[in-house]
Amino acid sequence: MKRLVLLSALVAAALAPAADAASPGDAQGQVRREMRAGTVLPLRQIEQMVLPAMPGMQYLGPEYDPIAMAYRLKFIHEGRVVFVDVDARSGQIISRH
């Protein structure tokens, strides 16, 4: 019986990090639902608007914040990382840092 309890605890502890890893997928699922509902623009459309405004910078990829309803596009230029936050509803650049 003690072994069964110990084994159950070990399995639960091993699965806990997997639940944390699901968080990025949750944001991805959220943005898909919002795109289908028409409340946010697709990432490709956002990229088509923002990337031309970032000449000479290498685009590293996006991240979506469902609470702020904003994309964070990550770039690198001359060894410095630049984040560009974009309103997912309008495509307007919110900040660049």
PDB file of N, CA and C in Angstrom:
ATOM      1  N   MET A   1       0.829  -1.193   0.000  1.00  0.00           N
ATOM      2  CA  MET A   1       0.000   0.000   0.000  1.00  0.00           C
ATOM      3  C   MET A   1       0.873   1.257   0.000  1.00  0.00           C
ATOM      4  N   LYS A   2       1.940   1.247   0.834  1.00  0.00           N
ATOM      5  CA  LYS A   2       2.830   2.404   0.893  1.00  0.00           C
ATOM      6  C   LYS A   2       3.485   2.644  -0.459  1.00  0.00           C
ATOM      7  N   ARG A   3       3.837   1.548  -1.139  1.00  0.00           N
ATOM      8  CA  ARG A   3       4.453   1.684  -2.463  1.00  0.00           C
ATOM      9  C   ARG A   3       3.486   2.321  -3.448  1.00  0.00           C
ATOM     10  N   LEU A   4       2.226   1.938  -3.369  1.00  0.00           N
ATOM     11  CA  LEU A   4       1.216   2.494  -4.264  1.00  0.00           C
ATOM     12  C   LEU A   4       1.048   3.993  -4.023  1.00  0.00           C
ATOM     13  N   VAL A   5       1.022   4.404  -2.767  1.00  0.00           N
ATOM     14  CA  VAL A   5       0.907   5.825  -2.426  1.00  0.00           C
ATOM     15  C   VAL A   5       2.134   6.580  -2.912  1.00  0.00           C
ATOM     16  N   LEU A   6       3.320   6.011  -2.693  1.00  0.00           N
ATOM     17  CA  LEU A   6       4.562   6.641  -3.142  1.00  0.00           C
ATOM     18  C   LEU A   6       4.584   6.747  -4.663  1.00  0.00           C
ATOM     19  N   LEU A   7       4.191   5.686  -5.343  1.00  0.00           N
ATOM     20  CA  LEU A   7       4.163   5.691  -6.801  1.00  0.00           C
ATOM     21  C   LEU A   7       3.183   6.743  -7.310  1.00  0.00           C
ATOM     22  N   SER A   8       2.032   6.855  -6.690  1.00  0.00           N
ATOM     23  CA  SER A   8       1.043   7.862  -7.077  1.00  0.00           C
ATOM     24  C   SER A   8       1.587   9.272  -6.900  1.00  0.00           C
ATOM     25  N   ALA A   9       2.293   9.505  -5.810  1.00  0.00           N
ATOM     26  CA  ALA A   9       2.876  10.823  -5.549  1.00  0.00           C
ATOM     27  C   ALA A   9       3.939  11.153  -6.585  1.00  0.00           C
ATOM     28  N   LEU A  10       4.757  10.161  -6.943  1.00  0.00           N
ATOM     29  CA  LEU A  10       5.797  10.389  -7.943  1.00  0.00           C
ATOM     30  C   LEU A  10       5.196  10.690  -9.316  1.00  0.00           C
ATOM     31  N   VAL A  11       4.149   9.975  -9.680  1.00  0.00           N
ATOM     32  CA  VAL A  11       3.490  10.223 -10.962  1.00  0.00           C
ATOM     33  C   VAL A  11       2.879  11.622 -10.966  1.00  0.00           C
ATOM     34  N   ALA A  12       2.232  12.004  -9.892  1.00  0.00           N
ATOM     35  CA  ALA A  12       1.638  13.339  -9.813  1.00  0.00           C
ATOM     36  C   ALA A  12       2.700  14.421  -9.912  1.00  0.00           C
ATOM     37  N   ALA A  13       3.833  14.209  -9.262  1.00  0.00           N
ATOM     38  CA  ALA A  13       4.920  15.189  -9.319  1.00  0.00           C
ATOM     39  C   ALA A  13       5.508  15.265 -10.717  1.00  0.00           C
ATOM     40  N   ALA A  14       5.585  14.148 -11.411  1.00  0.00           N
ATOM     41  CA  ALA A  14       6.126  14.139 -12.771  1.00  0.00           C
ATOM     42  C   ALA A  14       5.186  14.833 -13.750  1.00  0.00           C
ATOM     43  N   LEU A  15       3.887  14.746 -13.510  1.00  0.00           N
ATOM     44  CA  LEU A  15       2.917  15.361 -14.418  1.00  0.00           C
ATOM     45  C   LEU A  15       2.726  16.844 -14.165  1.00  0.00           C
ATOM     46  N   ALA A  16       3.094  17.350 -13.007  1.00  0.00           N
ATOM     47  CA  ALA A  16       2.906  18.767 -12.690  1.00  0.00           C
ATOM     48  C   ALA A  16       3.619  19.685 -13.673  1.00  0.00           C
ATOM     49  N   PRO A  17       4.885  19.449 -14.041  1.00  0.00           N
ATOM     50  CA  PRO A  17       5.525  20.325 -15.029  1.00  0.00           C
ATOM     51  C   PRO A  17       4.836  20.274 -16.384  1.00  0.00           C
ATOM     52  N   ALA A  18       4.243  19.143 -16.740  1.00  0.00           N
ATOM     53  CA  ALA A  18       3.533  19.044 -18.016  1.00  0.00           C
ATOM     54  C   ALA A  18       2.346  19.992 -18.039  1.00  0.00           C
ATOM     55  N   ALA A  19       1.701  20.187 -16.907  1.00  0.00           N
ATOM     56  CA  ALA A  19       0.584  21.127 -16.863  1.00  0.00           C
ATOM     57  C   ALA A  19       1.070  22.552 -17.081  1.00  0.00           C
ATOM     58  N   ASP A  20       2.233  22.897 -16.543  1.00  0.00           N
ATOM     59  CA  ASP A  20       2.799  24.224 -16.757  1.00  0.00           C
ATOM     60  C   ASP A  20       3.172  24.424 -18.216  1.00  0.00           C
ATOM     61  N   ALA A  21       3.648  23.376 -18.855  1.00  0.00           N
ATOM     62  CA  ALA A  21       4.047  23.477 -20.254  1.00  0.00           C
ATOM     63  C   ALA A  21       2.852  23.720 -21.158  1.00  0.00           C
ATOM     64  N   ALA A  22       1.651  23.448 -20.689  1.00  0.00           N
ATOM     65  CA  ALA A  22       0.458  23.645 -21.502  1.00  0.00           C
ATOM     66  C   ALA A  22       0.078  25.116 -21.613  1.00  0.00           C
ATOM     67  N   SER A  23       0.621  25.967 -20.772  1.00  0.00           N
ATOM     68  CA  SER A  23       0.248  27.375 -20.780  1.00  0.00           C
ATOM     69  C   SER A  23       0.444  28.058 -22.128  1.00  0.00           C
ATOM     70  N   PRO A  24       1.603  27.901 -22.803  1.00  0.00           N
ATOM     71  CA  PRO A  24       1.743  28.535 -24.113  1.00  0.00           C
ATOM     72  C   PRO A  24       0.686  28.060 -25.095  1.00  0.00           C
ATOM     73  N   GLY A  25       0.307  26.782 -25.030  1.00  0.00           N
ATOM     74  CA  GLY A  25      -0.746  26.266 -25.896  1.00  0.00           C
ATOM     75  C   GLY A  25      -2.077  26.907 -25.592  1.00  0.00           C
ATOM     76  N   ASP A  26      -2.296  27.245 -24.326  1.00  0.00           N
ATOM     77  CA  ASP A  26      -3.530  27.916 -23.959  1.00  0.00           C
ATOM     78  C   ASP A  26      -3.627  29.271 -24.649  1.00  0.00           C
ATOM     79  N   ALA A  27      -2.540  30.006 -24.689  1.00  0.00           N
ATOM     80  CA  ALA A  27      -2.525  31.308 -25.367  1.00  0.00           C
ATOM     81  C   ALA A  27      -2.765  31.118 -26.860  1.00  0.00           C
ATOM     82  N   GLN A  28      -2.170  30.082 -27.420  1.00  0.00           N
ATOM     83  CA  GLN A  28      -2.354  29.816 -28.839  1.00  0.00           C
ATOM     84  C   GLN A  28      -3.811  29.458 -29.135  1.00  0.00           C
ATOM     85  N   GLY A  29      -4.399  28.629 -28.287  1.00  0.00           N
ATOM     86  CA  GLY A  29      -5.810  28.293 -28.460  1.00  0.00           C
ATOM     87  C   GLY A  29      -6.703  29.514 -28.313  1.00  0.00           C
ATOM     88  N   GLN A  30      -6.357  30.376 -27.363  1.00  0.00           N
ATOM     89  CA  GLN A  30      -7.129  31.602 -27.143  1.00  0.00           C
ATOM     90  C   GLN A  30      -7.081  32.508 -28.363  1.00  0.00           C
ATOM     91  N   VAL A  31      -5.901  32.703 -28.938  1.00  0.00           N
ATOM     92  CA  VAL A  31      -5.788  33.582 -30.103  1.00  0.00           C
ATOM     93  C   VAL A  31      -6.536  32.990 -31.290  1.00  0.00           C
ATOM     94  N   ARG A  32      -6.530  31.690 -31.431  1.00  0.00           N
ATOM     95  CA  ARG A  32      -7.296  31.061 -32.523  1.00  0.00           C
ATOM     96  C   ARG A  32      -8.783  31.305 -32.357  1.00  0.00           C
ATOM     97  N   ARG A  33      -9.283  31.159 -31.130  1.00  0.00           N
ATOM     98  CA  ARG A  33     -10.705  31.417 -30.879  1.00  0.00           C
ATOM     99  C   ARG A  33     -11.048  32.877 -31.169  1.00  0.00           C
ATOM    100  N   GLU A  34     -10.168  33.787 -30.755  1.00  0.00           N
ATOM    101  CA  GLU A  34     -10.417  35.207 -30.970  1.00  0.00           C
ATOM    102  C   GLU A  34     -10.354  35.567 -32.455  1.00  0.00           C
ATOM    103  N   MET A  35      -9.462  34.906 -33.218  1.00  0.00           N
ATOM    104  CA  MET A  35      -9.402  35.158 -34.660  1.00  0.00           C
ATOM    105  C   MET A  35     -10.688  34.681 -35.328  1.00  0.00           C
ATOM    106  N   ARG A  36     -11.154  33.495 -34.946  1.00  0.00           N
ATOM    107  CA  ARG A  36     -12.403  32.980 -35.521  1.00  0.00           C
ATOM    108  C   ARG A  36     -13.579  33.889 -35.189  1.00  0.00           C
ATOM    109  N   ALA A  37     -13.555  34.471 -34.005  1.00  0.00           N
ATOM    110  CA  ALA A  37     -14.626  35.382 -33.592  1.00  0.00           C
ATOM    111  C   ALA A  37     -14.486  36.751 -34.245  1.00  0.00           C
ATOM    112  N   GLY A  38     -13.335  36.998 -34.863  1.00  0.00           N
ATOM    113  CA  GLY A  38     -13.121  38.288 -35.527  1.00  0.00           C
ATOM    114  C   GLY A  38     -12.686  39.402 -34.597  1.00  0.00           C
ATOM    115  N   THR A  39     -12.254  39.061 -33.388  1.00  0.00           N
ATOM    116  CA  THR A  39     -11.849  40.106 -32.442  1.00  0.00           C
ATOM    117  C   THR A  39     -10.382  40.480 -32.556  1.00  0.00           C
ATOM    118  N   VAL A  40      -9.554  39.588 -33.126  1.00  0.00           N
ATOM    119  CA  VAL A  40      -8.138  39.909 -33.328  1.00  0.00           C
ATOM    120  C   VAL A  40      -7.738  39.586 -34.763  1.00  0.00           C
ATOM    121  N   LEU A  41      -6.690  40.257 -35.207  1.00  0.00           N
ATOM    122  CA  LEU A  41      -6.162  40.017 -36.547  1.00  0.00           C
ATOM    123  C   LEU A  41      -5.266  38.784 -36.540  1.00  0.00           C
ATOM    124  N   PRO A  42      -5.202  38.088 -37.665  1.00  0.00           N
ATOM    125  CA  PRO A  42      -4.285  36.947 -37.740  1.00  0.00           C
ATOM    126  C   PRO A  42      -2.833  37.413 -37.630  1.00  0.00           C
ATOM    127  N   LEU A  43      -1.997  36.564 -37.075  1.00  0.00           N
ATOM    128  CA  LEU A  43      -0.580  36.887 -36.904  1.00  0.00           C
ATOM    129  C   LEU A  43       0.057  37.262 -38.232  1.00  0.00           C
ATOM    130  N   ARG A  44      -0.242  36.545 -39.294  1.00  0.00           N
ATOM    131  CA  ARG A  44       0.375  36.839 -40.603  1.00  0.00           C
ATOM    132  C   ARG A  44       0.055  38.262 -41.057  1.00  0.00           C
ATOM    133  N   GLN A  45      -1.137  38.716 -40.787  1.00  0.00           N
ATOM    134  CA  GLN A  45      -1.514  40.087 -41.145  1.00  0.00           C
ATOM    135  C   GLN A  45      -0.734  41.099 -40.305  1.00  0.00           C
ATOM    136  N   ILE A  46      -0.582  40.813 -39.022  1.00  0.00           N
ATOM    137  CA  ILE A  46       0.207  41.674 -38.135  1.00  0.00           C
ATOM    138  C   ILE A  46       1.647  41.734 -38.643  1.00  0.00           C
ATOM    139  N   GLU A  47       2.211  40.563 -38.971  1.00  0.00           N
ATOM    140  CA  GLU A  47       3.587  40.520 -39.456  1.00  0.00           C
ATOM    141  C   GLU A  47       3.748  41.310 -40.752  1.00  0.00           C
ATOM    142  N   GLN A  48       2.777  41.230 -41.650  1.00  0.00           N
ATOM    143  CA  GLN A  48       2.843  41.978 -42.912  1.00  0.00           C
ATOM    144  C   GLN A  48       2.855  43.480 -42.676  1.00  0.00           C
ATOM    145  N   MET A  49       2.243  43.918 -41.589  1.00  0.00           N
ATOM    146  CA  MET A  49       2.226  45.346 -41.273  1.00  0.00           C
ATOM    147  C   MET A  49       3.499  45.791 -40.565  1.00  0.00           C
ATOM    148  N   VAL A  50       4.032  44.967 -39.677  1.00  0.00           N
ATOM    149  CA  VAL A  50       5.126  45.375 -38.805  1.00  0.00           C
ATOM    150  C   VAL A  50       6.507  45.105 -39.413  1.00  0.00           C
ATOM    151  N   LEU A  51       6.700  43.941 -40.009  1.00  0.00           N
ATOM    152  CA  LEU A  51       8.030  43.578 -40.496  1.00  0.00           C
ATOM    153  C   LEU A  51       8.637  44.604 -41.455  1.00  0.00           C
ATOM    154  N   PRO A  52       7.893  45.172 -42.395  1.00  0.00           N
ATOM    155  CA  PRO A  52       8.503  46.191 -43.266  1.00  0.00           C
ATOM    156  C   PRO A  52       8.977  47.435 -42.508  1.00  0.00           C
ATOM    157  N   ALA A  53       8.420  47.679 -41.327  1.00  0.00           N
ATOM    158  CA  ALA A  53       8.811  48.846 -40.530  1.00  0.00           C
ATOM    159  C   ALA A  53      10.063  48.569 -39.692  1.00  0.00           C
ATOM    160  N   MET A  54      10.628  47.367 -39.829  1.00  0.00           N
ATOM    161  CA  MET A  54      11.778  46.985 -39.018  1.00  0.00           C
ATOM    162  C   MET A  54      12.959  46.611 -39.923  1.00  0.00           C
ATOM    163  N   PRO A  55      13.401  47.522 -40.803  1.00  0.00           N
ATOM    164  CA  PRO A  55      14.473  47.172 -41.740  1.00  0.00           C
ATOM    165  C   PRO A  55      15.781  46.876 -41.016  1.00  0.00           C
ATOM    166  N   GLY A  56      16.505  45.899 -41.543  1.00  0.00           N
ATOM    167  CA  GLY A  56      17.800  45.542 -40.984  1.00  0.00           C
ATOM    168  C   GLY A  56      17.732  44.685 -39.741  1.00  0.00           C
ATOM    169  N   MET A  57      16.532  44.359 -39.286  1.00  0.00           N
ATOM    170  CA  MET A  57      16.380  43.547 -38.080  1.00  0.00           C
ATOM    171  C   MET A  57      15.994  42.124 -38.468  1.00  0.00           C
ATOM    172  N   GLN A  58      16.534  41.174 -37.727  1.00  0.00           N
ATOM    173  CA  GLN A  58      16.192  39.774 -37.945  1.00  0.00           C
ATOM    174  C   GLN A  58      14.996  39.441 -37.063  1.00  0.00           C
ATOM    175  N   TYR A  59      13.955  38.919 -37.666  1.00  0.00           N
ATOM    176  CA  TYR A  59      12.737  38.550 -36.946  1.00  0.00           C
ATOM    177  C   TYR A  59      12.928  37.188 -36.295  1.00  0.00           C
ATOM    178  N   LEU A  60      12.716  37.115 -34.980  1.00  0.00           N
ATOM    179  CA  LEU A  60      12.907  35.872 -34.237  1.00  0.00           C
ATOM    180  C   LEU A  60      11.605  35.130 -33.979  1.00  0.00           C
ATOM    181  N   GLY A  61      10.488  35.855 -33.957  1.00  0.00           N
ATOM    182  CA  GLY A  61       9.214  35.177 -33.754  1.00  0.00           C
ATOM    183  C   GLY A  61       8.252  35.939 -32.871  1.00  0.00           C
ATOM    184  N   PRO A  62       7.020  35.420 -32.770  1.00  0.00           N
ATOM    185  CA  PRO A  62       5.965  36.084 -32.012  1.00  0.00           C
ATOM    186  C   PRO A  62       5.648  35.402 -30.685  1.00  0.00           C
ATOM    187  N   GLU A  63       4.905  36.124 -29.890  1.00  0.00           N
ATOM    188  CA  GLU A  63       4.311  35.609 -28.659  1.00  0.00           C
ATOM    189  C   GLU A  63       2.980  36.331 -28.534  1.00  0.00           C
ATOM    190  N   TYR A  64       1.966  35.675 -27.983  1.00  0.00           N
ATOM    191  CA  TYR A  64       0.661  36.309 -27.834  1.00  0.00           C
ATOM    192  C   TYR A  64       0.281  36.391 -26.369  1.00  0.00           C
ATOM    193  N   ASP A  65      -0.214  37.549 -25.953  1.00  0.00           N
ATOM    194  CA  ASP A  65      -0.689  37.748 -24.584  1.00  0.00           C
ATOM    195  C   ASP A  65      -2.207  37.883 -24.646  1.00  0.00           C
ATOM    196  N   PRO A  66      -2.953  36.836 -24.248  1.00  0.00           N
ATOM    197  CA  PRO A  66      -4.406  36.889 -24.356  1.00  0.00           C
ATOM    198  C   PRO A  66      -5.060  37.911 -23.429  1.00  0.00           C
ATOM    199  N   ILE A  67      -4.421  38.237 -22.333  1.00  0.00           N
ATOM    200  CA  ILE A  67      -4.999  39.218 -21.412  1.00  0.00           C
ATOM    201  C   ILE A  67      -4.909  40.620 -22.008  1.00  0.00           C
ATOM    202  N   ALA A  68      -3.747  40.964 -22.551  1.00  0.00           N
ATOM    203  CA  ALA A  68      -3.559  42.287 -23.156  1.00  0.00           C
ATOM    204  C   ALA A  68      -4.088  42.333 -24.585  1.00  0.00           C
ATOM    205  N   MET A  69      -4.403  41.157 -25.146  1.00  0.00           N
ATOM    206  CA  MET A  69      -4.800  41.045 -26.554  1.00  0.00           C
ATOM    207  C   MET A  69      -3.753  41.731 -27.429  1.00  0.00           C
ATOM    208  N   ALA A  70      -2.501  41.315 -27.228  1.00  0.00           N
ATOM    209  CA  ALA A  70      -1.372  41.912 -27.945  1.00  0.00           C
ATOM    210  C   ALA A  70      -0.375  40.842 -28.349  1.00  0.00           C
ATOM    211  N   TYR A  71       0.222  41.077 -29.497  1.00  0.00           N
ATOM    212  CA  TYR A  71       1.332  40.248 -29.942  1.00  0.00           C
ATOM    213  C   TYR A  71       2.623  40.940 -29.516  1.00  0.00           C
ATOM    214  N   ARG A  72       3.620  40.149 -29.165  1.00  0.00           N
ATOM    215  CA  ARG A  72       4.962  40.674 -28.918  1.00  0.00           C
ATOM    216  C   ARG A  72       5.847  40.028 -29.971  1.00  0.00           C
ATOM    217  N   LEU A  73       6.351  40.850 -30.887  1.00  0.00           N
ATOM    218  CA  LEU A  73       7.240  40.366 -31.927  1.00  0.00           C
ATOM    219  C   LEU A  73       8.668  40.624 -31.477  1.00  0.00           C
ATOM    220  N   LYS A  74       9.504  39.616 -31.618  1.00  0.00           N
ATOM    221  CA  LYS A  74      10.880  39.691 -31.124  1.00  0.00           C
ATOM    222  C   LYS A  74      11.838  39.783 -32.312  1.00  0.00           C
ATOM    223  N   PHE A  75      12.738  40.760 -32.249  1.00  0.00           N
ATOM    224  CA  PHE A  75      13.731  40.986 -33.290  1.00  0.00           C
ATOM    225  C   PHE A  75      15.109  41.061 -32.652  1.00  0.00           C
ATOM    226  N   ILE A  76      16.137  40.917 -33.484  1.00  0.00           N
ATOM    227  CA  ILE A  76      17.505  41.145 -33.022  1.00  0.00           C
ATOM    228  C   ILE A  76      18.191  42.034 -34.058  1.00  0.00           C
ATOM    229  N   HIS A  77      18.954  42.994 -33.551  1.00  0.00           N
ATOM    230  CA  HIS A  77      19.668  43.933 -34.416  1.00  0.00           C
ATOM    231  C   HIS A  77      20.970  44.315 -33.741  1.00  0.00           C
ATOM    232  N   GLU A  78      22.072  44.015 -34.414  1.00  0.00           N
ATOM    233  CA  GLU A  78      23.406  44.334 -33.895  1.00  0.00           C
ATOM    234  C   GLU A  78      23.591  43.829 -32.459  1.00  0.00           C
ATOM    235  N   GLY A  79      23.142  42.593 -32.216  1.00  0.00           N
ATOM    236  CA  GLY A  79      23.333  41.965 -30.914  1.00  0.00           C
ATOM    237  C   GLY A  79      22.338  42.384 -29.842  1.00  0.00           C
ATOM    238  N   ARG A  80      21.412  43.262 -30.175  1.00  0.00           N
ATOM    239  CA  ARG A  80      20.415  43.714 -29.192  1.00  0.00           C
ATOM    240  C   ARG A  80      19.053  43.142 -29.548  1.00  0.00           C
ATOM    241  N   VAL A  81      18.336  42.677 -28.543  1.00  0.00           N
ATOM    242  CA  VAL A  81      16.986  42.162 -28.735  1.00  0.00           C
ATOM    243  C   VAL A  81      16.012  43.335 -28.657  1.00  0.00           C
ATOM    244  N   VAL A  82      15.101  43.378 -29.596  1.00  0.00           N
ATOM    245  CA  VAL A  82      14.091  44.434 -29.643  1.00  0.00           C
ATOM    246  C   VAL A  82      12.717  43.767 -29.623  1.00  0.00           C
ATOM    247  N   PHE A  83      11.869  44.196 -28.700  1.00  0.00           N
ATOM    248  CA  PHE A  83      10.501  43.704 -28.620  1.00  0.00           C
ATOM    249  C   PHE A  83       9.574  44.779 -29.173  1.00  0.00           C
ATOM    250  N   VAL A  84       8.652  44.353 -30.009  1.00  0.00           N
ATOM    251  CA  VAL A  84       7.649  45.261 -30.550  1.00  0.00           C
ATOM    252  C   VAL A  84       6.292  44.707 -30.127  1.00  0.00           C
ATOM    253  N   ASP A  85       5.584  45.456 -29.294  1.00  0.00           N
ATOM    254  CA  ASP A  85       4.253  45.059 -28.840  1.00  0.00           C
ATOM    255  C   ASP A  85       3.221  45.666 -29.769  1.00  0.00           C
ATOM    256  N   VAL A  86       2.298  44.810 -30.232  1.00  0.00           N
ATOM    257  CA  VAL A  86       1.320  45.218 -31.244  1.00  0.00           C
ATOM    258  C   VAL A  86      -0.078  44.859 -30.763  1.00  0.00           C
ATOM    259  N   ASP A  87      -0.988  45.819 -30.854  1.00  0.00           N
ATOM    260  CA  ASP A  87      -2.383  45.565 -30.513  1.00  0.00           C
ATOM    261  C   ASP A  87      -2.944  44.550 -31.507  1.00  0.00           C
ATOM    262  N   ALA A  88      -3.415  43.413 -31.015  1.00  0.00           N
ATOM    263  CA  ALA A  88      -3.894  42.342 -31.884  1.00  0.00           C
ATOM    264  C   ALA A  88      -5.216  42.684 -32.561  1.00  0.00           C
ATOM    265  N   ARG A  89      -5.926  43.671 -32.036  1.00  0.00           N
ATOM    266  CA  ARG A  89      -7.210  44.044 -32.633  1.00  0.00           C
ATOM    267  C   ARG A  89      -7.041  44.994 -33.799  1.00  0.00           C
ATOM    268  N   SER A  90      -6.079  45.905 -33.687  1.00  0.00           N
ATOM    269  CA  SER A  90      -5.934  46.950 -34.713  1.00  0.00           C
ATOM    270  C   SER A  90      -4.654  46.834 -35.548  1.00  0.00           C
ATOM    271  N   GLY A  91      -3.651  46.153 -35.012  1.00  0.00           N
ATOM    272  CA  GLY A  91      -2.359  46.077 -35.688  1.00  0.00           C
ATOM    273  C   GLY A  91      -1.460  47.262 -35.390  1.00  0.00           C
ATOM    274  N   GLN A  92      -1.887  48.149 -34.532  1.00  0.00           N
ATOM    275  CA  GLN A  92      -1.088  49.325 -34.168  1.00  0.00           C
ATOM    276  C   GLN A  92       0.035  48.928 -33.208  1.00  0.00           C
ATOM    277  N   ILE A  93       1.213  49.499 -33.445  1.00  0.00           N
ATOM    278  CA  ILE A  93       2.333  49.260 -32.542  1.00  0.00           C
ATOM    279  C   ILE A  93       2.079  49.995 -31.239  1.00  0.00           C
ATOM    280  N   ILE A  94       2.124  49.264 -30.130  1.00  0.00           N
ATOM    281  CA  ILE A  94       1.898  49.828 -28.806  1.00  0.00           C
ATOM    282  C   ILE A  94       3.200  50.361 -28.230  1.00  0.00           C
ATOM    283  N   SER A  95       4.254  49.541 -28.344  1.00  0.00           N
ATOM    284  CA  SER A  95       5.556  49.961 -27.813  1.00  0.00           C
ATOM    285  C   SER A  95       6.654  49.200 -28.525  1.00  0.00           C
ATOM    286  N   ARG A  96       7.840  49.771 -28.403  1.00  0.00           N
ATOM    287  CA  ARG A  96       9.028  49.172 -28.991  1.00  0.00           C
ATOM    288  C   ARG A  96      10.162  49.361 -27.991  1.00  0.00           C
ATOM    289  N   HIS A  97      10.727  48.268 -27.519  1.00  0.00           N
ATOM    290  CA  HIS A  97      11.796  48.352 -26.529  1.00  0.00           C
ATOM    291  C   HIS A  97      12.744  47.179 -26.650  1.00  0.00           C
TER     292      HIS A  97
END
